[in-house]
N, C-alpha and C. Protein backbone atom coordinates (compact mmCIF):
# COMPACT_ATOMS: atom_id res chain seq x y z
N UNK A 1 80.39 85.50 119.46
CA UNK A 1 80.67 86.66 118.65
C UNK A 1 79.49 86.87 117.71
N UNK A 2 79.17 88.11 117.48
CA UNK A 2 78.03 88.44 116.64
C UNK A 2 78.30 88.20 115.16
N UNK A 3 77.24 88.36 114.42
CA UNK A 3 77.31 88.11 112.98
C UNK A 3 78.34 89.00 112.29
N UNK A 4 78.54 90.24 112.78
CA UNK A 4 79.45 91.18 112.13
C UNK A 4 80.92 90.85 112.39
N UNK A 5 81.23 90.13 113.44
CA UNK A 5 82.62 89.84 113.79
C UNK A 5 83.41 89.18 112.68
N UNK A 6 83.01 87.99 112.22
CA UNK A 6 83.77 87.32 111.17
C UNK A 6 83.80 88.11 109.86
N UNK A 7 82.69 88.77 109.52
CA UNK A 7 82.66 89.54 108.27
C UNK A 7 83.65 90.69 108.32
N UNK A 8 83.76 91.39 109.45
CA UNK A 8 84.71 92.49 109.59
C UNK A 8 86.15 91.97 109.50
N UNK A 9 86.40 90.84 110.12
CA UNK A 9 87.74 90.26 110.06
C UNK A 9 88.09 89.85 108.63
N UNK A 10 87.15 89.24 107.94
CA UNK A 10 87.40 88.84 106.56
C UNK A 10 87.62 90.06 105.68
N UNK A 11 86.86 91.12 105.92
CA UNK A 11 87.02 92.34 105.15
C UNK A 11 88.40 92.96 105.39
N UNK A 12 88.84 92.99 106.63
CA UNK A 12 90.16 93.53 106.94
C UNK A 12 91.25 92.70 106.27
N UNK A 13 91.10 91.38 106.28
CA UNK A 13 92.08 90.51 105.63
C UNK A 13 92.11 90.76 104.13
N UNK A 14 90.94 90.96 103.53
CA UNK A 14 90.90 91.23 102.08
C UNK A 14 91.56 92.56 101.76
N UNK A 15 91.35 93.59 102.62
CA UNK A 15 92.00 94.89 102.40
C UNK A 15 93.51 94.76 102.48
N UNK A 16 94.01 93.96 103.42
CA UNK A 16 95.45 93.76 103.56
C UNK A 16 96.02 93.08 102.31
N UNK A 17 95.33 92.08 101.79
CA UNK A 17 95.80 91.40 100.58
C UNK A 17 95.77 92.35 99.38
N UNK A 18 94.73 93.14 99.28
CA UNK A 18 94.63 94.10 98.19
C UNK A 18 95.78 95.09 98.29
N UNK A 19 96.11 95.52 99.48
CA UNK A 19 97.21 96.45 99.68
C UNK A 19 98.52 95.83 99.23
N UNK A 20 98.76 94.59 99.58
CA UNK A 20 99.98 93.90 99.17
C UNK A 20 100.02 93.80 97.64
N UNK A 21 98.93 93.41 97.02
CA UNK A 21 98.89 93.30 95.56
C UNK A 21 99.09 94.66 94.90
N UNK A 22 98.46 95.69 95.45
CA UNK A 22 98.61 97.03 94.88
C UNK A 22 100.05 97.54 95.04
N UNK A 23 100.63 97.30 96.21
CA UNK A 23 102.02 97.71 96.42
C UNK A 23 102.95 96.98 95.47
N UNK A 24 102.71 95.71 95.25
CA UNK A 24 103.54 94.94 94.32
C UNK A 24 103.38 95.47 92.89
N UNK A 25 102.15 95.83 92.52
CA UNK A 25 101.91 96.40 91.20
C UNK A 25 102.67 97.71 91.03
N UNK A 26 102.55 98.59 92.01
CA UNK A 26 103.24 99.88 91.94
C UNK A 26 104.76 99.70 91.90
N UNK A 27 105.27 98.75 92.66
CA UNK A 27 106.70 98.46 92.66
C UNK A 27 107.14 98.04 91.26
N UNK A 28 106.40 97.13 90.65
CA UNK A 28 106.73 96.67 89.30
C UNK A 28 106.69 97.81 88.30
N UNK A 29 105.74 98.70 88.45
CA UNK A 29 105.61 99.84 87.55
C UNK A 29 106.83 100.76 87.65
N UNK A 30 107.27 101.07 88.85
CA UNK A 30 108.44 101.93 89.03
C UNK A 30 109.69 101.24 88.48
N UNK A 31 109.82 99.94 88.72
CA UNK A 31 110.96 99.19 88.18
C UNK A 31 110.97 99.27 86.66
N UNK A 32 109.82 99.07 86.03
CA UNK A 32 109.75 99.15 84.57
C UNK A 32 110.13 100.52 84.05
N UNK A 33 109.68 101.55 84.73
CA UNK A 33 109.98 102.91 84.30
C UNK A 33 111.46 103.26 84.49
N UNK A 34 112.13 102.63 85.45
CA UNK A 34 113.53 102.89 85.70
C UNK A 34 114.45 102.08 84.78
N UNK A 35 113.97 100.98 84.25
CA UNK A 35 114.80 100.07 83.45
C UNK A 35 115.53 100.73 82.29
N UNK A 36 114.90 101.60 81.50
CA UNK A 36 115.64 102.23 80.40
C UNK A 36 116.85 103.03 80.88
N UNK A 37 116.74 103.72 82.01
CA UNK A 37 117.87 104.47 82.55
C UNK A 37 118.98 103.53 82.99
N UNK A 38 118.61 102.39 83.54
CA UNK A 38 119.62 101.40 83.93
C UNK A 38 120.35 100.89 82.69
N UNK A 39 119.61 100.58 81.64
CA UNK A 39 120.23 100.10 80.39
C UNK A 39 121.19 101.13 79.81
N UNK A 40 120.81 102.40 79.86
CA UNK A 40 121.65 103.47 79.31
C UNK A 40 122.93 103.69 80.11
N UNK A 41 122.98 103.16 81.31
CA UNK A 41 124.16 103.33 82.17
C UNK A 41 125.39 102.63 81.59
N UNK A 42 125.16 101.67 80.73
CA UNK A 42 126.27 100.99 80.07
C UNK A 42 125.89 99.58 79.69
N UNK A 43 126.65 98.99 78.75
CA UNK A 43 126.31 97.64 78.28
C UNK A 43 126.32 96.58 79.38
N UNK A 44 127.15 96.77 80.38
CA UNK A 44 127.21 95.80 81.48
C UNK A 44 125.96 95.86 82.36
N UNK A 45 125.14 96.89 82.20
CA UNK A 45 123.94 97.04 83.01
C UNK A 45 122.68 96.52 82.33
N UNK A 46 122.79 96.11 81.07
CA UNK A 46 121.61 95.62 80.35
C UNK A 46 121.04 94.39 81.04
N UNK A 47 121.90 93.45 81.41
CA UNK A 47 121.44 92.24 82.09
C UNK A 47 120.81 92.58 83.44
N UNK A 48 121.40 93.51 84.16
CA UNK A 48 120.85 93.91 85.45
C UNK A 48 119.45 94.49 85.27
N UNK A 49 119.28 95.34 84.27
CA UNK A 49 117.96 95.94 84.00
C UNK A 49 116.94 94.86 83.66
N UNK A 50 117.36 93.90 82.84
CA UNK A 50 116.44 92.82 82.45
C UNK A 50 116.07 91.94 83.65
N UNK A 51 117.06 91.58 84.45
CA UNK A 51 116.80 90.72 85.62
C UNK A 51 115.93 91.44 86.65
N UNK A 52 116.22 92.72 86.88
CA UNK A 52 115.42 93.49 87.83
C UNK A 52 113.99 93.65 87.33
N UNK A 53 113.84 93.91 86.04
CA UNK A 53 112.49 94.04 85.47
C UNK A 53 111.71 92.75 85.62
N UNK A 54 112.35 91.63 85.33
CA UNK A 54 111.68 90.34 85.44
C UNK A 54 111.27 90.06 86.88
N UNK A 55 112.21 90.21 87.81
CA UNK A 55 111.91 89.92 89.22
C UNK A 55 110.89 90.91 89.78
N UNK A 56 111.07 92.19 89.48
CA UNK A 56 110.21 93.23 90.05
C UNK A 56 108.77 93.15 89.58
N UNK A 57 108.56 92.72 88.35
CA UNK A 57 107.19 92.61 87.85
C UNK A 57 106.57 91.25 88.18
N UNK A 58 107.39 90.25 88.42
CA UNK A 58 106.87 88.91 88.74
C UNK A 58 106.18 88.88 90.10
N UNK A 59 106.60 89.73 91.01
CA UNK A 59 106.00 89.74 92.35
C UNK A 59 104.49 89.95 92.26
N UNK A 60 104.10 91.01 91.59
CA UNK A 60 102.67 91.30 91.45
C UNK A 60 101.93 90.26 90.63
N UNK A 61 102.57 89.77 89.57
CA UNK A 61 101.92 88.75 88.74
C UNK A 61 101.63 87.49 89.54
N UNK A 62 102.58 87.09 90.38
CA UNK A 62 102.38 85.89 91.20
C UNK A 62 101.30 86.10 92.25
N UNK A 63 101.22 87.31 92.80
CA UNK A 63 100.16 87.59 93.76
C UNK A 63 98.80 87.59 93.09
N UNK A 64 98.73 88.07 91.86
CA UNK A 64 97.47 88.00 91.11
C UNK A 64 97.07 86.55 90.88
N UNK A 65 98.04 85.71 90.49
CA UNK A 65 97.74 84.28 90.32
C UNK A 65 97.27 83.67 91.63
N UNK A 66 97.94 84.04 92.72
CA UNK A 66 97.59 83.50 94.02
C UNK A 66 96.20 83.89 94.47
N UNK A 67 95.70 85.01 93.99
CA UNK A 67 94.38 85.47 94.42
C UNK A 67 93.27 84.58 93.88
N UNK A 68 93.56 83.78 92.88
CA UNK A 68 92.57 82.84 92.34
C UNK A 68 93.10 81.40 92.43
N UNK A 69 93.92 81.16 93.43
CA UNK A 69 94.51 79.83 93.61
C UNK A 69 93.44 78.77 93.85
N UNK A 70 93.76 77.57 93.45
CA UNK A 70 92.82 76.45 93.59
C UNK A 70 92.70 75.98 95.04
N UNK A 71 93.71 76.28 95.85
CA UNK A 71 93.70 75.84 97.24
C UNK A 71 94.60 76.75 98.07
N UNK A 72 94.51 76.59 99.37
CA UNK A 72 95.37 77.34 100.28
C UNK A 72 96.83 76.99 100.02
N UNK A 73 97.11 75.72 99.77
CA UNK A 73 98.47 75.27 99.49
C UNK A 73 98.99 75.92 98.20
N UNK A 74 98.14 76.00 97.19
CA UNK A 74 98.51 76.63 95.93
C UNK A 74 98.79 78.12 96.15
N UNK A 75 97.95 78.78 96.94
CA UNK A 75 98.16 80.19 97.24
C UNK A 75 99.49 80.39 97.97
N UNK A 76 99.77 79.53 98.93
CA UNK A 76 101.03 79.62 99.67
C UNK A 76 102.21 79.48 98.71
N UNK A 77 102.09 78.57 97.76
CA UNK A 77 103.16 78.36 96.78
C UNK A 77 103.38 79.62 95.94
N UNK A 78 102.31 80.25 95.49
CA UNK A 78 102.42 81.48 94.69
C UNK A 78 103.05 82.59 95.52
N UNK A 79 102.67 82.71 96.78
CA UNK A 79 103.24 83.74 97.65
C UNK A 79 104.72 83.45 97.91
N UNK A 80 105.07 82.18 98.05
CA UNK A 80 106.47 81.82 98.25
C UNK A 80 107.30 82.18 97.01
N UNK A 81 106.76 81.93 95.84
CA UNK A 81 107.46 82.29 94.61
C UNK A 81 107.61 83.82 94.52
N UNK A 82 106.57 84.56 94.91
CA UNK A 82 106.64 86.03 94.91
C UNK A 82 107.71 86.50 95.89
N UNK A 83 107.82 85.83 97.04
CA UNK A 83 108.85 86.16 98.02
C UNK A 83 110.23 85.97 97.42
N UNK A 84 110.44 84.89 96.70
CA UNK A 84 111.74 84.66 96.06
C UNK A 84 112.06 85.76 95.06
N UNK A 85 111.05 86.20 94.31
CA UNK A 85 111.27 87.28 93.34
C UNK A 85 111.58 88.59 94.06
N UNK A 86 110.93 88.84 95.18
CA UNK A 86 111.21 90.05 95.96
C UNK A 86 112.65 90.04 96.47
N UNK A 87 113.09 88.87 96.94
CA UNK A 87 114.47 88.75 97.41
C UNK A 87 115.46 88.97 96.26
N UNK A 88 115.12 88.46 95.10
CA UNK A 88 115.99 88.67 93.94
C UNK A 88 116.02 90.15 93.57
N UNK A 89 114.88 90.81 93.61
CA UNK A 89 114.84 92.25 93.31
C UNK A 89 115.72 93.03 94.28
N UNK A 90 115.70 92.65 95.56
CA UNK A 90 116.57 93.29 96.55
C UNK A 90 118.03 93.15 96.11
N UNK A 91 118.41 91.98 95.66
CA UNK A 91 119.79 91.75 95.21
C UNK A 91 120.17 92.70 94.08
N UNK A 92 119.32 92.75 93.02
CA UNK A 92 119.65 93.58 91.87
C UNK A 92 119.66 95.06 92.25
N UNK A 93 118.77 95.48 93.12
CA UNK A 93 118.75 96.88 93.57
C UNK A 93 119.99 97.21 94.39
N UNK A 94 120.41 96.30 95.25
CA UNK A 94 121.65 96.49 96.02
C UNK A 94 122.85 96.59 95.09
N UNK A 95 122.87 95.73 94.08
CA UNK A 95 123.96 95.75 93.12
C UNK A 95 124.02 97.10 92.39
N UNK A 96 122.87 97.59 91.98
CA UNK A 96 122.84 98.91 91.34
C UNK A 96 123.34 100.00 92.28
N UNK A 97 122.85 99.96 93.50
CA UNK A 97 123.25 100.96 94.49
C UNK A 97 124.76 100.96 94.70
N UNK A 98 125.31 99.78 94.93
CA UNK A 98 126.74 99.66 95.21
C UNK A 98 127.61 99.94 93.99
N UNK A 99 127.05 99.82 92.79
CA UNK A 99 127.82 100.08 91.56
C UNK A 99 127.93 101.57 91.25
N UNK A 100 127.18 102.38 91.99
CA UNK A 100 127.22 103.81 91.77
C UNK A 100 126.10 104.33 90.90
N UNK A 101 125.21 103.45 90.46
CA UNK A 101 124.05 103.90 89.68
C UNK A 101 123.22 104.82 90.55
N UNK A 102 122.90 105.98 90.02
CA UNK A 102 122.13 106.96 90.79
C UNK A 102 120.80 107.22 90.12
N UNK A 103 119.75 106.98 90.86
CA UNK A 103 118.40 107.31 90.42
C UNK A 103 117.63 107.72 91.67
N UNK A 104 116.79 108.74 91.56
CA UNK A 104 116.08 109.21 92.75
C UNK A 104 115.20 108.14 93.39
N UNK A 105 114.68 107.22 92.60
CA UNK A 105 113.77 106.21 93.14
C UNK A 105 114.47 104.98 93.70
N UNK A 106 115.79 104.89 93.56
CA UNK A 106 116.51 103.67 93.95
C UNK A 106 116.37 103.34 95.44
N UNK A 107 116.58 104.31 96.31
CA UNK A 107 116.49 104.06 97.75
C UNK A 107 115.08 103.61 98.13
N UNK A 108 114.07 104.26 97.56
CA UNK A 108 112.69 103.88 97.85
C UNK A 108 112.38 102.48 97.35
N UNK A 109 112.93 102.12 96.20
CA UNK A 109 112.70 100.77 95.67
C UNK A 109 113.36 99.72 96.55
N UNK A 110 114.57 100.01 97.02
CA UNK A 110 115.24 99.06 97.92
C UNK A 110 114.41 98.83 99.18
N UNK A 111 113.93 99.92 99.74
CA UNK A 111 113.12 99.82 100.97
C UNK A 111 111.82 99.06 100.69
N UNK A 112 111.14 99.39 99.59
CA UNK A 112 109.87 98.75 99.27
C UNK A 112 110.06 97.26 98.99
N UNK A 113 111.15 96.90 98.30
CA UNK A 113 111.41 95.48 98.04
C UNK A 113 111.60 94.73 99.36
N UNK A 114 112.29 95.34 100.30
CA UNK A 114 112.46 94.72 101.61
C UNK A 114 111.14 94.57 102.35
N UNK A 115 110.30 95.61 102.27
CA UNK A 115 109.00 95.54 102.94
C UNK A 115 108.08 94.51 102.29
N UNK A 116 108.11 94.45 100.96
CA UNK A 116 107.32 93.41 100.27
C UNK A 116 107.80 92.03 100.70
N UNK A 117 109.10 91.86 100.81
CA UNK A 117 109.65 90.58 101.27
C UNK A 117 109.18 90.23 102.67
N UNK A 118 109.16 91.21 103.55
CA UNK A 118 108.71 90.96 104.93
C UNK A 118 107.23 90.60 104.96
N UNK A 119 106.43 91.31 104.18
CA UNK A 119 104.99 91.02 104.13
C UNK A 119 104.74 89.63 103.54
N UNK A 120 105.49 89.29 102.52
CA UNK A 120 105.32 87.98 101.89
C UNK A 120 105.79 86.86 102.80
N UNK A 121 106.84 87.10 103.57
CA UNK A 121 107.31 86.10 104.54
C UNK A 121 106.20 85.80 105.54
N UNK A 122 105.57 86.85 106.07
CA UNK A 122 104.47 86.66 107.02
C UNK A 122 103.29 85.94 106.36
N UNK A 123 103.01 86.30 105.12
CA UNK A 123 101.90 85.67 104.40
C UNK A 123 102.15 84.19 104.19
N UNK A 124 103.36 83.84 103.77
CA UNK A 124 103.69 82.42 103.54
C UNK A 124 103.59 81.64 104.84
N UNK A 125 104.11 82.19 105.92
CA UNK A 125 104.04 81.50 107.22
C UNK A 125 102.59 81.26 107.62
N UNK A 126 101.76 82.28 107.45
CA UNK A 126 100.36 82.15 107.83
C UNK A 126 99.64 81.13 106.95
N UNK A 127 99.91 81.17 105.65
CA UNK A 127 99.25 80.23 104.74
C UNK A 127 99.72 78.80 104.94
N UNK A 128 100.94 78.61 105.35
CA UNK A 128 101.48 77.26 105.58
C UNK A 128 101.12 76.70 106.94
N UNK A 129 100.71 77.56 107.88
CA UNK A 129 100.36 77.11 109.22
C UNK A 129 99.08 76.27 109.17
N UNK A 130 99.01 75.28 110.06
CA UNK A 130 97.77 74.49 110.11
C UNK A 130 96.61 75.39 110.50
N UNK A 131 95.50 75.14 109.87
CA UNK A 131 94.30 75.94 110.16
C UNK A 131 93.65 75.45 111.45
N UNK A 132 93.27 76.40 112.27
CA UNK A 132 92.59 76.07 113.53
C UNK A 132 91.11 75.89 113.23
N UNK A 133 90.54 74.90 113.83
CA UNK A 133 89.11 74.63 113.67
C UNK A 133 88.41 75.00 114.96
N UNK A 134 87.21 75.44 114.83
CA UNK A 134 86.43 75.69 116.03
C UNK A 134 85.96 77.02 116.10
């Protein structure tokens, strides 16, 4: 393979990671902007807003930490923690949906949380897999 082969592959991989980090950032931003409306829905929703805000913003923060991880194992750990936060965000969003909370962005957030979870699952599997040499 020529000199450009590995560089192009590395560039594509970096673009994919940037996309995941950017999507996680945007997800956290929408969650933060929706939180006040969730809180206003009633006193029983304050905890849900807080939990969703924490989980929704942690995804991107963990991916940022993972981007400067000390090792591949450390990066995998950060991505796994981000995956757990994405799964938690799915739970809180489902709870809001089923409780009758109505917000135009809710369906999109549920879908995006699921997609982030799927992307993070693939990332964790890849990072945990033994590296091929040669």
